[in-house]
Amino acid sequence: MNKNTLLNQNQICSIGADGVHYRLGDQALPLFDTPIYVEGSVEAGNVWQTTDTIAWDNTLVARTVFIVFDSILGPLYIAYGAAEGCRRSAYLFLGQTF
């Protein structure tokens, strides 16, 4: 297990997420004959020892923004995420998600 990883052994775990999905248009990029989508999400949660310690001020929050467009091989996702503690990630994903 990595250092600073949240454990869930005899602890209370909660997470919630919400997101938005916006279609830019049928041909948002001149070189591609495909619609482009911009999406974003916000996640919040934590792991607590007892219900007495659950509070908004100790809840961890993360945000993600991504662009999606159809390619010959399937949807292409380009994303960037940021969370508390200067944790950041970027990824490229090709294919259908389930």
C-alpha atoms as a PDB file:
ATOM      1  CA  MET A   1       0.000   0.000   0.000  1.00  0.00           C
ATOM      2  CA  ASN A   2       1.334   3.440  -0.925  1.00  0.00           C
ATOM      3  CA  LYS A   3       2.101   6.025   1.721  1.00  0.00           C
ATOM      4  CA  ASN A   4      -0.845   8.412   2.328  1.00  0.00           C
ATOM      5  CA  THR A   5      -3.337   5.955   0.813  1.00  0.00           C
ATOM      6  CA  LEU A   6      -6.744   5.941   2.478  1.00  0.00           C
ATOM      7  CA  LEU A   7      -7.504   2.652   4.211  1.00  0.00           C
ATOM      8  CA  ASN A   8     -10.959   1.263   4.864  1.00  0.00           C
ATOM      9  CA  GLN A   9     -10.454  -1.330   7.588  1.00  0.00           C
ATOM     10  CA  ASN A  10     -13.038  -0.879  10.357  1.00  0.00           C
ATOM     11  CA  GLN A  11     -13.538   2.675   9.160  1.00  0.00           C
ATOM     12  CA  ILE A  12     -16.368   4.683   7.599  1.00  0.00           C
ATOM     13  CA  CYS A  13     -15.903   5.509   3.913  1.00  0.00           C
ATOM     14  CA  SER A  14     -17.988   7.930   1.886  1.00  0.00           C
ATOM     15  CA  ILE A  15     -17.608   9.397  -1.583  1.00  0.00           C
ATOM     16  CA  GLY A  16     -19.829  11.406  -3.871  1.00  0.00           C
ATOM     17  CA  ALA A  17     -19.433  12.735  -7.399  1.00  0.00           C
ATOM     18  CA  ASP A  18     -21.204  14.999  -9.840  1.00  0.00           C
ATOM     19  CA  GLY A  19     -20.364  16.060 -13.360  1.00  0.00           C
ATOM     20  CA  VAL A  20     -21.354  18.050 -16.427  1.00  0.00           C
ATOM     21  CA  HIS A  21     -21.275  17.137 -20.108  1.00  0.00           C
ATOM     22  CA  TYR A  22     -21.363  19.766 -22.890  1.00  0.00           C
ATOM     23  CA  ARG A  23     -21.359  19.221 -26.654  1.00  0.00           C
ATOM     24  CA  LEU A  24     -19.350  21.899 -28.473  1.00  0.00           C
ATOM     25  CA  GLY A  25     -20.815  21.198 -31.907  1.00  0.00           C
ATOM     26  CA  ASP A  26     -20.873  18.790 -34.829  1.00  0.00           C
ATOM     27  CA  GLN A  27     -17.523  19.914 -36.213  1.00  0.00           C
ATOM     28  CA  ALA A  28     -15.714  21.707 -33.408  1.00  0.00           C
ATOM     29  CA  LEU A  29     -12.313  21.011 -34.987  1.00  0.00           C
ATOM     30  CA  PRO A  30     -11.909  21.662 -38.732  1.00  0.00           C
ATOM     31  CA  LEU A  31      -9.615  18.643 -39.232  1.00  0.00           C
ATOM     32  CA  PHE A  32     -12.045  16.197 -37.644  1.00  0.00           C
ATOM     33  CA  ASP A  33     -15.550  15.485 -38.866  1.00  0.00           C
ATOM     34  CA  THR A  34     -16.821  14.647 -35.379  1.00  0.00           C
ATOM     35  CA  PRO A  35     -18.496  16.354 -32.430  1.00  0.00           C
ATOM     36  CA  ILE A  36     -16.318  17.411 -29.504  1.00  0.00           C
ATOM     37  CA  TYR A  37     -17.454  17.158 -25.893  1.00  0.00           C
ATOM     38  CA  VAL A  38     -16.114  18.964 -22.839  1.00  0.00           C
ATOM     39  CA  GLU A  39     -16.813  17.310 -19.523  1.00  0.00           C
ATOM     40  CA  GLY A  40     -15.976  17.945 -15.911  1.00  0.00           C
ATOM     41  CA  SER A  41     -16.533  16.342 -12.563  1.00  0.00           C
ATOM     42  CA  VAL A  42     -16.087  17.015  -8.877  1.00  0.00           C
ATOM     43  CA  GLU A  43     -15.576  14.229  -6.356  1.00  0.00           C
ATOM     44  CA  ALA A  44     -15.601  14.481  -2.574  1.00  0.00           C
ATOM     45  CA  GLY A  45     -15.048  11.904   0.135  1.00  0.00           C
ATOM     46  CA  ASN A  46     -12.817  10.567   2.876  1.00  0.00           C
ATOM     47  CA  VAL A  47     -12.343   7.729   5.338  1.00  0.00           C
ATOM     48  CA  TRP A  48     -13.177   8.365   8.997  1.00  0.00           C
ATOM     49  CA  GLN A  49     -12.618   6.352  12.183  1.00  0.00           C
ATOM     50  CA  THR A  50     -16.039   7.195  13.678  1.00  0.00           C
ATOM     51  CA  THR A  51     -19.193   9.022  12.630  1.00  0.00           C
ATOM     52  CA  ASP A  52     -18.339  11.783  15.128  1.00  0.00           C
ATOM     53  CA  THR A  53     -15.329  12.816  13.017  1.00  0.00           C
ATOM     54  CA  ILE A  54     -17.264  13.226   9.737  1.00  0.00           C
ATOM     55  CA  ALA A  55     -17.228  16.889   8.719  1.00  0.00           C
ATOM     56  CA  TRP A  56     -17.072  18.930   5.529  1.00  0.00           C
ATOM     57  CA  ASP A  57     -13.809  20.602   6.590  1.00  0.00           C
ATOM     58  CA  ASN A  58     -11.958  17.240   6.611  1.00  0.00           C
ATOM     59  CA  THR A  59     -13.492  15.977   3.354  1.00  0.00           C
ATOM     60  CA  LEU A  60     -11.110  15.608   0.403  1.00  0.00           C
ATOM     61  CA  VAL A  61     -12.143  17.221  -2.895  1.00  0.00           C
ATOM     62  CA  ALA A  62     -10.899  16.497  -6.437  1.00  0.00           C
ATOM     63  CA  ARG A  63     -11.762  17.966  -9.838  1.00  0.00           C
ATOM     64  CA  THR A  64     -11.377  16.619 -13.370  1.00  0.00           C
ATOM     65  CA  VAL A  65     -11.764  18.248 -16.792  1.00  0.00           C
ATOM     66  CA  PHE A  66     -11.691  16.235 -19.997  1.00  0.00           C
ATOM     67  CA  ILE A  67     -12.281  16.540 -23.728  1.00  0.00           C
ATOM     68  CA  VAL A  68     -13.821  13.666 -25.667  1.00  0.00           C
ATOM     69  CA  PHE A  69     -14.149  13.098 -29.399  1.00  0.00           C
ATOM     70  CA  ASP A  70     -14.892  10.122 -31.591  1.00  0.00           C
ATOM     71  CA  SER A  71     -12.028   8.623 -33.525  1.00  0.00           C
ATOM     72  CA  ILE A  72     -11.809   5.732 -35.974  1.00  0.00           C
ATOM     73  CA  LEU A  73     -10.791   3.480 -33.051  1.00  0.00           C
ATOM     74  CA  GLY A  74     -13.465   4.729 -30.638  1.00  0.00           C
ATOM     75  CA  PRO A  75     -13.872   7.626 -28.211  1.00  0.00           C
ATOM     76  CA  LEU A  76     -10.665   9.466 -27.309  1.00  0.00           C
ATOM     77  CA  TYR A  77     -10.503  11.037 -23.840  1.00  0.00           C
ATOM     78  CA  ILE A  78      -7.894  13.627 -22.883  1.00  0.00           C
ATOM     79  CA  ALA A  79      -8.159  14.544 -19.203  1.00  0.00           C
ATOM     80  CA  TYR A  80      -6.541  16.449 -16.359  1.00  0.00           C
ATOM     81  CA  GLY A  81      -7.384  16.045 -12.691  1.00  0.00           C
ATOM     82  CA  ALA A  82      -6.349  17.834  -9.513  1.00  0.00           C
ATOM     83  CA  ALA A  83      -6.926  16.995  -5.859  1.00  0.00           C
ATOM     84  CA  GLU A  84      -5.933  18.420  -2.516  1.00  0.00           C
ATOM     85  CA  GLY A  85      -2.320  18.129  -1.496  1.00  0.00           C
ATOM     86  CA  CYS A  86      -0.992  19.131  -4.946  1.00  0.00           C
ATOM     87  CA  ARG A  87      -2.000  15.765  -6.393  1.00  0.00           C
ATOM     88  CA  ARG A  88      -2.417  16.028 -10.147  1.00  0.00           C
ATOM     89  CA  SER A  89      -2.797  13.596 -13.029  1.00  0.00           C
ATOM     90  CA  ALA A  90      -3.244  13.685 -16.764  1.00  0.00           C
ATOM     91  CA  TYR A  91      -4.343  10.825 -18.939  1.00  0.00           C
ATOM     92  CA  LEU A  92      -5.189   9.759 -22.437  1.00  0.00           C
ATOM     93  CA  PHE A  93      -7.762   6.995 -22.866  1.00  0.00           C
ATOM     94  CA  LEU A  94      -8.908   5.386 -26.108  1.00  0.00           C
ATOM     95  CA  GLY A  95     -11.953   3.124 -26.247  1.00  0.00           C
ATOM     96  CA  GLN A  96     -15.401   2.574 -24.810  1.00  0.00           C
ATOM     97  CA  THR A  97     -15.898   3.000 -21.044  1.00  0.00           C
ATOM     98  CA  PHE A  98     -18.492   1.014 -19.132  1.00  0.00           C
END
